[in-house]
């Protein structure tokens, strides 16, 4: 069962997209703050949104694998919309997430899912 979890390409692509976005966050804040601050790897908000990258890459992968007309895609798309709305509206008061941060994370998630899916997992 654990082995199956690590072989699930849809899950792996979503998690890798989130991890890469967290690394991009360190690089982005290096240019903004002029120093490396490893805290940004663990922070919930900031630029770009890793939560948005995760849910957008997951949604795209479900659409590609299950079909964009499937019930699974519909459920995941609604889940992604709720996560991104929450990041912009509810969490904005706590960690300052903006539309630009959330949108950038979502776009990065889609791009990374496409690259990982077509170049690394689909051969």
PDB file of N, CA and C in Angstrom:
ATOM      1  N   UNK A   1       0.820  -1.191   0.000  1.00  0.00           N
ATOM      2  CA  UNK A   1       0.000   0.000   0.000  1.00  0.00           C
ATOM      3  C   UNK A   1       0.869   1.262   0.000  1.00  0.00           C
ATOM      4  N   UNK A   2       1.902   1.287   0.814  1.00  0.00           N
ATOM      5  CA  UNK A   2       2.811   2.429   0.851  1.00  0.00           C
ATOM      6  C   UNK A   2       3.519   2.564  -0.493  1.00  0.00           C
ATOM      7  N   UNK A   3       3.909   1.441  -1.070  1.00  0.00           N
ATOM      8  CA  UNK A   3       4.575   1.452  -2.370  1.00  0.00           C
ATOM      9  C   UNK A   3       3.663   2.066  -3.433  1.00  0.00           C
ATOM     10  N   UNK A   4       2.378   1.702  -3.401  1.00  0.00           N
ATOM     11  CA  UNK A   4       1.416   2.263  -4.356  1.00  0.00           C
ATOM     12  C   UNK A   4       1.327   3.775  -4.221  1.00  0.00           C
ATOM     13  N   UNK A   5       1.411   4.266  -3.001  1.00  0.00           N
ATOM     14  CA  UNK A   5       1.338   5.702  -2.749  1.00  0.00           C
ATOM     15  C   UNK A   5       2.490   6.424  -3.447  1.00  0.00           C
ATOM     16  N   UNK A   6       3.678   5.853  -3.372  1.00  0.00           N
ATOM     17  CA  UNK A   6       4.844   6.474  -3.993  1.00  0.00           C
ATOM     18  C   UNK A   6       4.890   6.267  -5.507  1.00  0.00           C
ATOM     19  N   UNK A   7       4.070   5.369  -6.024  1.00  0.00           N
ATOM     20  CA  UNK A   7       4.005   5.140  -7.463  1.00  0.00           C
ATOM     21  C   UNK A   7       2.866   5.913  -8.129  1.00  0.00           C
ATOM     22  N   UNK A   8       2.063   6.585  -7.339  1.00  0.00           N
ATOM     23  CA  UNK A   8       0.934   7.352  -7.866  1.00  0.00           C
ATOM     24  C   UNK A   8       1.472   8.622  -8.527  1.00  0.00           C
ATOM     25  N   UNK A   9       1.520   8.611  -9.854  1.00  0.00           N
ATOM     26  CA  UNK A   9       2.123   9.724 -10.587  1.00  0.00           C
ATOM     27  C   UNK A   9       1.353  11.031 -10.403  1.00  0.00           C
ATOM     28  N   UNK A  10       0.051  10.962 -10.302  1.00  0.00           N
ATOM     29  CA  UNK A  10      -0.749  12.179 -10.110  1.00  0.00           C
ATOM     30  C   UNK A  10      -0.381  12.834  -8.782  1.00  0.00           C
ATOM     31  N   UNK A  11      -0.297  12.047  -7.731  1.00  0.00           N
ATOM     32  CA  UNK A  11       0.090  12.569  -6.418  1.00  0.00           C
ATOM     33  C   UNK A  11       1.524  13.078  -6.431  1.00  0.00           C
ATOM     34  N   UNK A  12       2.430  12.324  -7.028  1.00  0.00           N
ATOM     35  CA  UNK A  12       3.834  12.745  -7.091  1.00  0.00           C
ATOM     36  C   UNK A  12       3.994  14.074  -7.821  1.00  0.00           C
ATOM     37  N   UNK A  13       3.312  14.215  -8.947  1.00  0.00           N
ATOM     38  CA  UNK A  13       3.417  15.461  -9.708  1.00  0.00           C
ATOM     39  C   UNK A  13       2.886  16.635  -8.901  1.00  0.00           C
ATOM     40  N   UNK A  14       1.778  16.453  -8.204  1.00  0.00           N
ATOM     41  CA  UNK A  14       1.221  17.533  -7.383  1.00  0.00           C
ATOM     42  C   UNK A  14       2.185  17.921  -6.255  1.00  0.00           C
ATOM     43  N   UNK A  15       2.746  16.938  -5.577  1.00  0.00           N
ATOM     44  CA  UNK A  15       3.666  17.216  -4.462  1.00  0.00           C
ATOM     45  C   UNK A  15       4.967  17.830  -4.968  1.00  0.00           C
ATOM     46  N   UNK A  16       5.483  17.327  -6.088  1.00  0.00           N
ATOM     47  CA  UNK A  16       6.702  17.908  -6.670  1.00  0.00           C
ATOM     48  C   UNK A  16       6.446  19.351  -7.087  1.00  0.00           C
ATOM     49  N   UNK A  17       5.288  19.629  -7.656  1.00  0.00           N
ATOM     50  CA  UNK A  17       4.942  21.006  -8.038  1.00  0.00           C
ATOM     51  C   UNK A  17       4.937  21.922  -6.823  1.00  0.00           C
ATOM     52  N   UNK A  18       4.379  21.444  -5.727  1.00  0.00           N
ATOM     53  CA  UNK A  18       4.354  22.240  -4.500  1.00  0.00           C
ATOM     54  C   UNK A  18       5.775  22.465  -3.977  1.00  0.00           C
ATOM     55  N   UNK A  19       6.599  21.422  -4.003  1.00  0.00           N
ATOM     56  CA  UNK A  19       7.973  21.541  -3.503  1.00  0.00           C
ATOM     57  C   UNK A  19       8.792  22.508  -4.359  1.00  0.00           C
ATOM     58  N   UNK A  20       8.668  22.415  -5.661  1.00  0.00           N
ATOM     59  CA  UNK A  20       9.399  23.322  -6.550  1.00  0.00           C
ATOM     60  C   UNK A  20       8.949  24.763  -6.322  1.00  0.00           C
ATOM     61  N   UNK A  21       7.666  24.956  -6.101  1.00  0.00           N
ATOM     62  CA  UNK A  21       7.162  26.303  -5.829  1.00  0.00           C
ATOM     63  C   UNK A  21       7.746  26.850  -4.535  1.00  0.00           C
ATOM     64  N   UNK A  22       7.908  26.003  -3.542  1.00  0.00           N
ATOM     65  CA  UNK A  22       8.528  26.450  -2.291  1.00  0.00           C
ATOM     66  C   UNK A  22       9.988  26.855  -2.528  1.00  0.00           C
ATOM     67  N   UNK A  23      10.681  26.145  -3.400  1.00  0.00           N
ATOM     68  CA  UNK A  23      12.063  26.504  -3.732  1.00  0.00           C
ATOM     69  C   UNK A  23      12.089  27.832  -4.495  1.00  0.00           C
ATOM     70  N   UNK A  24      11.158  28.000  -5.420  1.00  0.00           N
ATOM     71  CA  UNK A  24      11.052  29.268  -6.154  1.00  0.00           C
ATOM     72  C   UNK A  24      10.795  30.418  -5.189  1.00  0.00           C
ATOM     73  N   UNK A  25      10.023  30.142  -4.139  1.00  0.00           N
ATOM     74  CA  UNK A  25       9.724  31.160  -3.132  1.00  0.00           C
ATOM     75  C   UNK A  25      11.011  31.658  -2.469  1.00  0.00           C
ATOM     76  N   UNK A  26      11.935  30.758  -2.167  1.00  0.00           N
ATOM     77  CA  UNK A  26      13.217  31.157  -1.559  1.00  0.00           C
ATOM     78  C   UNK A  26      13.986  32.057  -2.522  1.00  0.00           C
ATOM     79  N   UNK A  27      14.016  31.669  -3.791  1.00  0.00           N
ATOM     80  CA  UNK A  27      14.740  32.452  -4.798  1.00  0.00           C
ATOM     81  C   UNK A  27      14.100  33.826  -4.967  1.00  0.00           C
ATOM     82  N   UNK A  28      12.769  33.850  -5.053  1.00  0.00           N
ATOM     83  CA  UNK A  28      12.052  35.124  -5.198  1.00  0.00           C
ATOM     84  C   UNK A  28      12.372  36.068  -4.039  1.00  0.00           C
ATOM     85  N   UNK A  29      12.279  35.558  -2.809  1.00  0.00           N
ATOM     86  CA  UNK A  29      12.525  36.427  -1.657  1.00  0.00           C
ATOM     87  C   UNK A  29      13.997  36.786  -1.488  1.00  0.00           C
ATOM     88  N   UNK A  30      14.896  35.996  -2.073  1.00  0.00           N
ATOM     89  CA  UNK A  30      16.298  36.380  -2.066  1.00  0.00           C
ATOM     90  C   UNK A  30      16.477  37.696  -2.827  1.00  0.00           C
ATOM     91  N   UNK A  31      15.813  37.831  -3.961  1.00  0.00           N
ATOM     92  CA  UNK A  31      15.924  39.057  -4.743  1.00  0.00           C
ATOM     93  C   UNK A  31      15.187  40.217  -4.081  1.00  0.00           C
ATOM     94  N   UNK A  32      14.106  39.927  -3.381  1.00  0.00           N
ATOM     95  CA  UNK A  32      13.345  40.981  -2.693  1.00  0.00           C
ATOM     96  C   UNK A  32      14.075  41.457  -1.442  1.00  0.00           C
ATOM     97  N   UNK A  33      14.578  40.515  -0.644  1.00  0.00           N
ATOM     98  CA  UNK A  33      15.183  40.842   0.652  1.00  0.00           C
ATOM     99  C   UNK A  33      16.710  40.946   0.606  1.00  0.00           C
ATOM    100  N   UNK A  34      17.323  40.559  -0.496  1.00  0.00           N
ATOM    101  CA  UNK A  34      18.783  40.587  -0.678  1.00  0.00           C
ATOM    102  C   UNK A  34      19.530  39.656   0.286  1.00  0.00           C
ATOM    103  N   UNK A  35      18.846  38.597   0.726  1.00  0.00           N
ATOM    104  CA  UNK A  35      19.485  37.575   1.561  1.00  0.00           C
ATOM    105  C   UNK A  35      18.635  36.313   1.519  1.00  0.00           C
ATOM    106  N   UNK A  36      19.301  35.162   1.763  1.00  0.00           N
ATOM    107  CA  UNK A  36      18.567  33.907   1.828  1.00  0.00           C
ATOM    108  C   UNK A  36      17.889  33.799   3.177  1.00  0.00           C
ATOM    109  N   UNK A  37      16.621  33.480   3.154  1.00  0.00           N
ATOM    110  CA  UNK A  37      15.854  33.290   4.378  1.00  0.00           C
ATOM    111  C   UNK A  37      15.109  31.963   4.229  1.00  0.00           C
ATOM    112  N   UNK A  38      15.617  30.926   4.874  1.00  0.00           N
ATOM    113  CA  UNK A  38      15.058  29.585   4.736  1.00  0.00           C
ATOM    114  C   UNK A  38      13.674  29.475   5.360  1.00  0.00           C
ATOM    115  N   UNK A  39      13.268  30.464   6.122  1.00  0.00           N
ATOM    116  CA  UNK A  39      11.919  30.480   6.694  1.00  0.00           C
ATOM    117  C   UNK A  39      10.856  30.392   5.598  1.00  0.00           C
ATOM    118  N   UNK A  40      11.137  30.959   4.445  1.00  0.00           N
ATOM    119  CA  UNK A  40      10.148  31.001   3.365  1.00  0.00           C
ATOM    120  C   UNK A  40       9.779  29.606   2.850  1.00  0.00           C
ATOM    121  N   UNK A  41      10.626  28.606   3.109  1.00  0.00           N
ATOM    122  CA  UNK A  41      10.277  27.241   2.716  1.00  0.00           C
ATOM    123  C   UNK A  41       9.072  26.745   3.509  1.00  0.00           C
ATOM    124  N   UNK A  42       8.942  27.201   4.735  1.00  0.00           N
ATOM    125  CA  UNK A  42       7.913  26.688   5.633  1.00  0.00           C
ATOM    126  C   UNK A  42       6.717  27.623   5.803  1.00  0.00           C
ATOM    127  N   UNK A  43       6.798  28.823   5.243  1.00  0.00           N
ATOM    128  CA  UNK A  43       5.697  29.758   5.447  1.00  0.00           C
ATOM    129  C   UNK A  43       4.476  29.384   4.617  1.00  0.00           C
ATOM    130  N   UNK A  44       3.309  29.775   5.121  1.00  0.00           N
ATOM    131  CA  UNK A  44       2.052  29.416   4.463  1.00  0.00           C
ATOM    132  C   UNK A  44       1.705  30.375   3.330  1.00  0.00           C
ATOM    133  N   UNK A  45       2.043  31.621   3.451  1.00  0.00           N
ATOM    134  CA  UNK A  45       1.703  32.599   2.425  1.00  0.00           C
ATOM    135  C   UNK A  45       2.898  32.936   1.571  1.00  0.00           C
ATOM    136  N   UNK A  46       2.801  34.033   0.885  1.00  0.00           N
ATOM    137  CA  UNK A  46       3.935  34.511   0.111  1.00  0.00           C
ATOM    138  C   UNK A  46       3.828  34.207  -1.368  1.00  0.00           C
ATOM    139  N   UNK A  47       4.871  34.646  -2.064  1.00  0.00           N
ATOM    140  CA  UNK A  47       4.920  34.570  -3.519  1.00  0.00           C
ATOM    141  C   UNK A  47       5.898  33.508  -3.958  1.00  0.00           C
ATOM    142  N   UNK A  48       5.515  32.579  -4.783  1.00  0.00           N
ATOM    143  CA  UNK A  48       4.175  32.241  -5.264  1.00  0.00           C
ATOM    144  C   UNK A  48       3.473  31.302  -4.287  1.00  0.00           C
ATOM    145  N   UNK A  49       2.189  31.131  -4.443  1.00  0.00           N
ATOM    146  CA  UNK A  49       1.403  30.269  -3.566  1.00  0.00           C
ATOM    147  C   UNK A  49       1.628  28.800  -3.902  1.00  0.00           C
ATOM    148  N   UNK A  50       2.210  28.077  -2.961  1.00  0.00           N
ATOM    149  CA  UNK A  50       2.445  26.652  -3.194  1.00  0.00           C
ATOM    150  C   UNK A  50       1.150  25.852  -3.080  1.00  0.00           C
ATOM    151  N   UNK A  51       0.197  26.351  -2.285  1.00  0.00           N
ATOM    152  CA  UNK A  51      -1.099  25.682  -2.200  1.00  0.00           C
ATOM    153  C   UNK A  51      -1.803  25.725  -3.558  1.00  0.00           C
ATOM    154  N   UNK A  52      -1.729  26.864  -4.217  1.00  0.00           N
ATOM    155  CA  UNK A  52      -2.342  26.988  -5.539  1.00  0.00           C
ATOM    156  C   UNK A  52      -1.634  26.099  -6.551  1.00  0.00           C
ATOM    157  N   UNK A  53      -0.320  26.028  -6.463  1.00  0.00           N
ATOM    158  CA  UNK A  53       0.439  25.155  -7.367  1.00  0.00           C
ATOM    159  C   UNK A  53       0.018  23.703  -7.172  1.00  0.00           C
ATOM    160  N   UNK A  54      -0.126  23.292  -5.928  1.00  0.00           N
ATOM    161  CA  UNK A  54      -0.524  21.919  -5.618  1.00  0.00           C
ATOM    162  C   UNK A  54      -1.892  21.596  -6.196  1.00  0.00           C
ATOM    163  N   UNK A  55      -2.895  22.425  -5.904  1.00  0.00           N
ATOM    164  CA  UNK A  55      -4.255  22.090  -6.343  1.00  0.00           C
ATOM    165  C   UNK A  55      -4.434  22.251  -7.848  1.00  0.00           C
ATOM    166  N   UNK A  56      -3.736  23.198  -8.461  1.00  0.00           N
ATOM    167  CA  UNK A  56      -3.858  23.355  -9.919  1.00  0.00           C
ATOM    168  C   UNK A  56      -3.172  22.209 -10.658  1.00  0.00           C
ATOM    169  N   UNK A  57      -2.009  21.774 -10.172  1.00  0.00           N
ATOM    170  CA  UNK A  57      -1.353  20.639 -10.828  1.00  0.00           C
ATOM    171  C   UNK A  57      -2.172  19.371 -10.614  1.00  0.00           C
ATOM    172  N   UNK A  58      -2.738  19.193  -9.438  1.00  0.00           N
ATOM    173  CA  UNK A  58      -3.587  18.041  -9.170  1.00  0.00           C
ATOM    174  C   UNK A  58      -4.817  18.048 -10.079  1.00  0.00           C
ATOM    175  N   UNK A  59      -5.454  19.198 -10.212  1.00  0.00           N
ATOM    176  CA  UNK A  59      -6.643  19.315 -11.044  1.00  0.00           C
ATOM    177  C   UNK A  59      -6.332  19.013 -12.504  1.00  0.00           C
ATOM    178  N   UNK A  60      -5.251  19.575 -13.003  1.00  0.00           N
ATOM    179  CA  UNK A  60      -4.876  19.315 -14.389  1.00  0.00           C
ATOM    180  C   UNK A  60      -4.578  17.832 -14.608  1.00  0.00           C
ATOM    181  N   UNK A  61      -3.842  17.227 -13.692  1.00  0.00           N
ATOM    182  CA  UNK A  61      -3.493  15.821 -13.838  1.00  0.00           C
ATOM    183  C   UNK A  61      -4.727  14.925 -13.805  1.00  0.00           C
ATOM    184  N   UNK A  62      -5.671  15.227 -12.945  1.00  0.00           N
ATOM    185  CA  UNK A  62      -6.918  14.454 -12.909  1.00  0.00           C
ATOM    186  C   UNK A  62      -7.652  14.616 -14.236  1.00  0.00           C
ATOM    187  N   UNK A  63      -7.686  15.832 -14.755  1.00  0.00           N
ATOM    188  CA  UNK A  63      -8.326  16.064 -16.047  1.00  0.00           C
ATOM    189  C   UNK A  63      -7.654  15.292 -17.166  1.00  0.00           C
ATOM    190  N   UNK A  64      -6.324  15.285 -17.178  1.00  0.00           N
ATOM    191  CA  UNK A  64      -5.591  14.575 -18.221  1.00  0.00           C
ATOM    192  C   UNK A  64      -5.760  13.058 -18.115  1.00  0.00           C
ATOM    193  N   UNK A  65      -5.786  12.552 -16.901  1.00  0.00           N
ATOM    194  CA  UNK A  65      -5.838  11.102 -16.708  1.00  0.00           C
ATOM    195  C   UNK A  65      -7.270  10.550 -16.707  1.00  0.00           C
ATOM    196  N   UNK A  66      -8.203  11.278 -16.092  1.00  0.00           N
ATOM    197  CA  UNK A  66      -9.570  10.772 -15.939  1.00  0.00           C
ATOM    198  C   UNK A  66     -10.530  11.354 -16.972  1.00  0.00           C
ATOM    199  N   UNK A  67     -10.133  12.463 -17.581  1.00  0.00           N
ATOM    200  CA  UNK A  67     -11.001  13.152 -18.535  1.00  0.00           C
ATOM    201  C   UNK A  67     -11.570  14.420 -17.917  1.00  0.00           C
ATOM    202  N   UNK A  68     -11.615  15.453 -18.727  1.00  0.00           N
ATOM    203  CA  UNK A  68     -12.121  16.733 -18.237  1.00  0.00           C
ATOM    204  C   UNK A  68     -13.645  16.731 -18.091  1.00  0.00           C
ATOM    205  N   UNK A  69     -14.290  15.669 -18.542  1.00  0.00           N
ATOM    206  CA  UNK A  69     -15.731  15.540 -18.376  1.00  0.00           C
ATOM    207  C   UNK A  69     -16.098  14.568 -17.250  1.00  0.00           C
ATOM    208  N   UNK A  70     -15.095  14.117 -16.482  1.00  0.00           N
ATOM    209  CA  UNK A  70     -15.340  13.137 -15.421  1.00  0.00           C
ATOM    210  C   UNK A  70     -15.825  13.813 -14.134  1.00  0.00           C
ATOM    211  N   UNK A  71     -16.500  13.016 -13.324  1.00  0.00           N
ATOM    212  CA  UNK A  71     -16.953  13.501 -12.014  1.00  0.00           C
ATOM    213  C   UNK A  71     -15.765  13.809 -11.107  1.00  0.00           C
ATOM    214  N   UNK A  72     -14.705  13.030 -11.237  1.00  0.00           N
ATOM    215  CA  UNK A  72     -13.504  13.261 -10.417  1.00  0.00           C
ATOM    216  C   UNK A  72     -12.893  14.622 -10.730  1.00  0.00           C
ATOM    217  N   UNK A  73     -12.803  14.951 -12.012  1.00  0.00           N
ATOM    218  CA  UNK A  73     -12.268  16.265 -12.385  1.00  0.00           C
ATOM    219  C   UNK A  73     -13.150  17.379 -11.819  1.00  0.00           C
ATOM    220  N   UNK A  74     -14.453  17.224 -11.912  1.00  0.00           N
ATOM    221  CA  UNK A  74     -15.374  18.240 -11.390  1.00  0.00           C
ATOM    222  C   UNK A  74     -15.156  18.442  -9.895  1.00  0.00           C
ATOM    223  N   UNK A  75     -15.017  17.352  -9.152  1.00  0.00           N
ATOM    224  CA  UNK A  75     -14.817  17.448  -7.707  1.00  0.00           C
ATOM    225  C   UNK A  75     -13.505  18.139  -7.372  1.00  0.00           C
ATOM    226  N   UNK A  76     -12.438  17.758  -8.063  1.00  0.00           N
ATOM    227  CA  UNK A  76     -11.123  18.339  -7.795  1.00  0.00           C
ATOM    228  C   UNK A  76     -11.080  19.809  -8.216  1.00  0.00           C
ATOM    229  N   UNK A  77     -11.750  20.162  -9.304  1.00  0.00           N
ATOM    230  CA  UNK A  77     -11.793  21.558  -9.752  1.00  0.00           C
ATOM    231  C   UNK A  77     -12.502  22.436  -8.719  1.00  0.00           C
ATOM    232  N   UNK A  78     -13.583  21.933  -8.151  1.00  0.00           N
ATOM    233  CA  UNK A  78     -14.288  22.683  -7.102  1.00  0.00           C
ATOM    234  C   UNK A  78     -13.400  22.813  -5.871  1.00  0.00           C
ATOM    235  N   UNK A  79     -12.721  21.736  -5.499  1.00  0.00           N
ATOM    236  CA  UNK A  79     -11.785  21.750  -4.371  1.00  0.00           C
ATOM    237  C   UNK A  79     -10.685  22.798  -4.603  1.00  0.00           C
ATOM    238  N   UNK A  80     -10.137  22.834  -5.807  1.00  0.00           N
ATOM    239  CA  UNK A  80      -9.084  23.800  -6.133  1.00  0.00           C
ATOM    240  C   UNK A  80      -9.605  25.228  -6.033  1.00  0.00           C
ATOM    241  N   UNK A  81     -10.803  25.456  -6.533  1.00  0.00           N
ATOM    242  CA  UNK A  81     -11.386  26.799  -6.463  1.00  0.00           C
ATOM    243  C   UNK A  81     -11.580  27.238  -5.016  1.00  0.00           C
ATOM    244  N   UNK A  82     -12.015  26.332  -4.159  1.00  0.00           N
ATOM    245  CA  UNK A  82     -12.205  26.657  -2.740  1.00  0.00           C
ATOM    246  C   UNK A  82     -10.869  26.975  -2.079  1.00  0.00           C
ATOM    247  N   UNK A  83      -9.850  26.168  -2.351  1.00  0.00           N
ATOM    248  CA  UNK A  83      -8.520  26.398  -1.765  1.00  0.00           C
ATOM    249  C   UNK A  83      -7.977  27.758  -2.189  1.00  0.00           C
ATOM    250  N   UNK A  84      -8.106  28.071  -3.481  1.00  0.00           N
ATOM    251  CA  UNK A  84      -7.561  29.334  -3.985  1.00  0.00           C
ATOM    252  C   UNK A  84      -8.376  30.532  -3.481  1.00  0.00           C
ATOM    253  N   UNK A  85      -9.678  30.389  -3.404  1.00  0.00           N
ATOM    254  CA  UNK A  85     -10.515  31.456  -2.859  1.00  0.00           C
ATOM    255  C   UNK A  85     -10.164  31.695  -1.397  1.00  0.00           C
ATOM    256  N   UNK A  86     -10.016  30.608  -0.654  1.00  0.00           N
ATOM    257  CA  UNK A  86      -9.649  30.704   0.757  1.00  0.00           C
ATOM    258  C   UNK A  86      -8.306  31.406   0.920  1.00  0.00           C
ATOM    259  N   UNK A  87      -7.356  31.078   0.057  1.00  0.00           N
ATOM    260  CA  UNK A  87      -6.030  31.696   0.133  1.00  0.00           C
ATOM    261  C   UNK A  87      -6.114  33.201  -0.090  1.00  0.00           C
ATOM    262  N   UNK A  88      -6.967  33.624  -1.013  1.00  0.00           N
ATOM    263  CA  UNK A  88      -7.064  35.057  -1.335  1.00  0.00           C
ATOM    264  C   UNK A  88      -7.915  35.833  -0.342  1.00  0.00           C
ATOM    265  N   UNK A  89      -9.002  35.252   0.103  1.00  0.00           N
ATOM    266  CA  UNK A  89      -9.958  36.004   0.922  1.00  0.00           C
ATOM    267  C   UNK A  89      -9.786  35.774   2.412  1.00  0.00           C
ATOM    268  N   UNK A  90      -9.799  34.528   2.829  1.00  0.00           N
ATOM    269  CA  UNK A  90      -9.768  34.227   4.262  1.00  0.00           C
ATOM    270  C   UNK A  90      -8.364  34.369   4.818  1.00  0.00           C
ATOM    271  N   UNK A  91      -7.390  33.728   4.151  1.00  0.00           N
ATOM    272  CA  UNK A  91      -6.023  33.741   4.662  1.00  0.00           C
ATOM    273  C   UNK A  91      -5.316  35.065   4.419  1.00  0.00           C
ATOM    274  N   UNK A  92      -5.857  35.897   3.566  1.00  0.00           N
ATOM    275  CA  UNK A  92      -5.228  37.191   3.282  1.00  0.00           C
ATOM    276  C   UNK A  92      -5.099  38.023   4.548  1.00  0.00           C
ATOM    277  N   UNK A  93      -6.049  37.869   5.439  1.00  0.00           N
ATOM    278  CA  UNK A  93      -5.996  38.621   6.696  1.00  0.00           C
ATOM    279  C   UNK A  93      -4.877  38.136   7.603  1.00  0.00           C
ATOM    280  N   UNK A  94      -4.515  36.846   7.476  1.00  0.00           N
ATOM    281  CA  UNK A  94      -3.493  36.266   8.345  1.00  0.00           C
ATOM    282  C   UNK A  94      -2.084  36.363   7.763  1.00  0.00           C
ATOM    283  N   UNK A  95      -1.935  36.004   6.491  1.00  0.00           N
ATOM    284  CA  UNK A  95      -0.590  35.916   5.915  1.00  0.00           C
ATOM    285  C   UNK A  95      -0.399  36.789   4.686  1.00  0.00           C
ATOM    286  N   UNK A  96      -1.398  37.544   4.305  1.00  0.00           N
ATOM    287  CA  UNK A  96      -1.229  38.495   3.222  1.00  0.00           C
ATOM    288  C   UNK A  96      -1.186  37.937   1.829  1.00  0.00           C
ATOM    289  N   UNK A  97      -1.858  36.823   1.573  1.00  0.00           N
ATOM    290  CA  UNK A  97      -1.899  36.275   0.215  1.00  0.00           C
ATOM    291  C   UNK A  97      -2.674  37.219  -0.701  1.00  0.00           C
ATOM    292  N   UNK A  98      -2.116  37.466  -1.871  1.00  0.00           N
ATOM    293  CA  UNK A  98      -2.768  38.353  -2.841  1.00  0.00           C
ATOM    294  C   UNK A  98      -3.188  37.559  -4.071  1.00  0.00           C
ATOM    295  N   UNK A  99      -3.976  38.199  -4.917  1.00  0.00           N
ATOM    296  CA  UNK A  99      -4.406  37.580  -6.169  1.00  0.00           C
ATOM    297  C   UNK A  99      -3.203  37.219  -7.031  1.00  0.00           C
ATOM    298  N   UNK A 100      -2.197  38.073  -7.049  1.00  0.00           N
ATOM    299  CA  UNK A 100      -0.994  37.815  -7.861  1.00  0.00           C
ATOM    300  C   UNK A 100      -0.257  36.582  -7.341  1.00  0.00           C
ATOM    301  N   UNK A 101      -0.113  36.456  -6.040  1.00  0.00           N
ATOM    302  CA  UNK A 101       0.578  35.302  -5.460  1.00  0.00           C
ATOM    303  C   UNK A 101      -0.167  34.001  -5.756  1.00  0.00           C
ATOM    304  N   UNK A 102      -1.479  34.039  -5.584  1.00  0.00           N
ATOM    305  CA  UNK A 102      -2.303  32.855  -5.822  1.00  0.00           C
ATOM    306  C   UNK A 102      -2.315  32.492  -7.304  1.00  0.00           C
ATOM    307  N   UNK A 103      -2.477  33.480  -8.167  1.00  0.00           N
ATOM    308  CA  UNK A 103      -2.495  33.237  -9.613  1.00  0.00           C
ATOM    309  C   UNK A 103      -1.157  32.716 -10.105  1.00  0.00           C
ATOM    310  N   UNK A 104      -0.072  33.301  -9.630  1.00  0.00           N
ATOM    311  CA  UNK A 104       1.263  32.854 -10.030  1.00  0.00           C
ATOM    312  C   UNK A 104       1.490  31.409  -9.608  1.00  0.00           C
ATOM    313  N   UNK A 105       1.089  31.078  -8.393  1.00  0.00           N
ATOM    314  CA  UNK A 105       1.212  29.695  -7.936  1.00  0.00           C
ATOM    315  C   UNK A 105       0.409  28.741  -8.802  1.00  0.00           C
ATOM    316  N   UNK A 106      -0.810  29.132  -9.151  1.00  0.00           N
ATOM    317  CA  UNK A 106      -1.647  28.295  -9.997  1.00  0.00           C
ATOM    318  C   UNK A 106      -1.045  28.075 -11.366  1.00  0.00           C
ATOM    319  N   UNK A 107      -0.535  29.126 -11.950  1.00  0.00           N
ATOM    320  CA  UNK A 107       0.093  29.017 -13.275  1.00  0.00           C
ATOM    321  C   UNK A 107       1.337  28.135 -13.204  1.00  0.00           C
ATOM    322  N   UNK A 108       2.145  28.325 -12.180  1.00  0.00           N
ATOM    323  CA  UNK A 108       3.334  27.472 -12.012  1.00  0.00           C
ATOM    324  C   UNK A 108       2.942  26.013 -11.848  1.00  0.00           C
ATOM    325  N   UNK A 109       1.887  25.751 -11.089  1.00  0.00           N
ATOM    326  CA  UNK A 109       1.419  24.375 -10.900  1.00  0.00           C
ATOM    327  C   UNK A 109       1.013  23.730 -12.206  1.00  0.00           C
ATOM    328  N   UNK A 110       0.320  24.476 -13.046  1.00  0.00           N
ATOM    329  CA  UNK A 110      -0.106  23.959 -14.344  1.00  0.00           C
ATOM    330  C   UNK A 110       1.101  23.692 -15.240  1.00  0.00           C
ATOM    331  N   UNK A 111       2.025  24.639 -15.289  1.00  0.00           N
ATOM    332  CA  UNK A 111       3.222  24.473 -16.125  1.00  0.00           C
ATOM    333  C   UNK A 111       4.056  23.279 -15.653  1.00  0.00           C
ATOM    334  N   UNK A 112       4.269  23.178 -14.341  1.00  0.00           N
ATOM    335  CA  UNK A 112       5.073  22.067 -13.825  1.00  0.00           C
ATOM    336  C   UNK A 112       4.392  20.731 -14.058  1.00  0.00           C
ATOM    337  N   UNK A 113       3.065  20.675 -13.923  1.00  0.00           N
ATOM    338  CA  UNK A 113       2.342  19.424 -14.178  1.00  0.00           C
ATOM    339  C   UNK A 113       2.506  19.004 -15.630  1.00  0.00           C
ATOM    340  N   UNK A 114       2.405  19.956 -16.534  1.00  0.00           N
ATOM    341  CA  UNK A 114       2.576  19.637 -17.956  1.00  0.00           C
ATOM    342  C   UNK A 114       3.984  19.116 -18.237  1.00  0.00           C
ATOM    343  N   UNK A 115       4.974  19.809 -17.720  1.00  0.00           N
ATOM    344  CA  UNK A 115       6.363  19.398 -17.952  1.00  0.00           C
ATOM    345  C   UNK A 115       6.625  18.028 -17.346  1.00  0.00           C
ATOM    346  N   UNK A 116       6.271  17.851 -16.088  1.00  0.00           N
ATOM    347  CA  UNK A 116       6.529  16.574 -15.420  1.00  0.00           C
ATOM    348  C   UNK A 116       5.760  15.433 -16.073  1.00  0.00           C
ATOM    349  N   UNK A 117       4.509  15.678 -16.406  1.00  0.00           N
ATOM    350  CA  UNK A 117       3.690  14.628 -17.009  1.00  0.00           C
ATOM    351  C   UNK A 117       4.206  14.199 -18.362  1.00  0.00           C
ATOM    352  N   UNK A 118       4.452  15.131 -19.235  1.00  0.00           N
ATOM    353  CA  UNK A 118       4.805  14.792 -20.611  1.00  0.00           C
ATOM    354  C   UNK A 118       6.275  14.447 -20.819  1.00  0.00           C
ATOM    355  N   UNK A 119       7.165  15.003 -19.990  1.00  0.00           N
ATOM    356  CA  UNK A 119       8.578  14.762 -20.216  1.00  0.00           C
ATOM    357  C   UNK A 119       9.189  13.717 -19.294  1.00  0.00           C
ATOM    358  N   UNK A 120       8.633  13.558 -18.109  1.00  0.00           N
ATOM    359  CA  UNK A 120       9.259  12.644 -17.162  1.00  0.00           C
ATOM    360  C   UNK A 120       8.433  11.392 -16.870  1.00  0.00           C
ATOM    361  N   UNK A 121       7.121  11.526 -16.831  1.00  0.00           N
ATOM    362  CA  UNK A 121       6.311  10.378 -16.446  1.00  0.00           C
ATOM    363  C   UNK A 121       5.639   9.673 -17.615  1.00  0.00           C
ATOM    364  N   UNK A 122       5.553  10.320 -18.748  1.00  0.00           N
ATOM    365  CA  UNK A 122       4.913   9.712 -19.900  1.00  0.00           C
ATOM    366  C   UNK A 122       5.930   9.186 -20.913  1.00  0.00           C
ATOM    367  N   UNK A 123       7.201   9.604 -20.742  1.00  0.00           N
ATOM    368  CA  UNK A 123       8.275   9.147 -21.605  1.00  0.00           C
ATOM    369  C   UNK A 123       7.989   9.452 -23.006  1.00  0.00           C
TER     370      UNK A 123
END
